[in-house]
Amino acid sequence: MFKPSCLSLGLVGALAVVAGLPLSAQDSGVVGDLKVRAGWATSSKDHLSATSLGFGLNLSVATSLGKAGVELGYYYKTGDDYFLAPQGTIPGEMQPADPANSGDARRNQLDGLSLRLSLQNRLAETWDWQGGLMLGGTRFRHEYKGQIQSRNWVSDGSGGAATWADTFSGVKEEGGVKVSPYVGLTWKMTSRSSLEFNLMALNYSAVEYVHKAGSSPSYDANRISIHNNFPGDSFTKTTRFVPHLEFAYVFHF
């Protein structure tokens, strides 16, 4: 998982690198910015919302290569509830699943602290271009909860030994410091404010719970599974690079 302590160490190290770069004659000194962002994905993946929000505090310094920046912030993308039909092949000795009386609800979310490293250069009188990397901000949270039952199942267990009802719930998180590159333009509105436009390839790892219905090694007298006791269940993991358009209001201190 992406931890704040990692960000703190990264921020200190990045500031040390930036401080060591040679200053240019123009705009020398450290400048602080507050950036408030809204984003939009060109395609929605993993039942996440197409929109995203974020903010950050940026410190930049002019160097011979351009304006180098280090930003500590937070990135957030919510998800929508979604529902799955019973998954997998039911063991041959068990009754088939009853989709009409079963439910499997899921929800995903992406968020976390982020560290951005950037380099900015003048393009025109009021326009700059920039490129950079966002590290972190992509903790993927997968929530799942369901009850799937077979045909002929009744709550008193009188349906027979071949009937079953599975109950399960849990949360799985996939973190790590993922690197998301971005490029874009900045338009200077006033001496204190700018608008920023970026195209970013958001990099994250999505996980999905896979439940094998009717596969619990033991059911109680009412033919209900022992909670979350499914040795055959697993999680799939998928790496994503999803294009996003970002818009940010920048306030210069």
Foldseek 3Di string as FASTA:
>chain_A
DDDVVVVVVVLVVVVVVQVPAAADPPQADKWKKKKWKKKAFPDDPPQWHRIKTKIWIKIWGHHPQAIKIKIKMKIWIWGDKDWDFADDDAPPLAAAWDRVPKTKIKTKIFMDIKMKIKGWDDDDDFKIKMKIKIWWGGKMKMWMWIKIWGPQQDQQLPSDPRTAIETEIDMDIDTHTDIKIKIWMWGHPDPFKIKIKIKIFDKYKYKDKHAHPNQAPDADSSRYHDYPRHVPIDMDIDIGGTIMIMMMMMTID
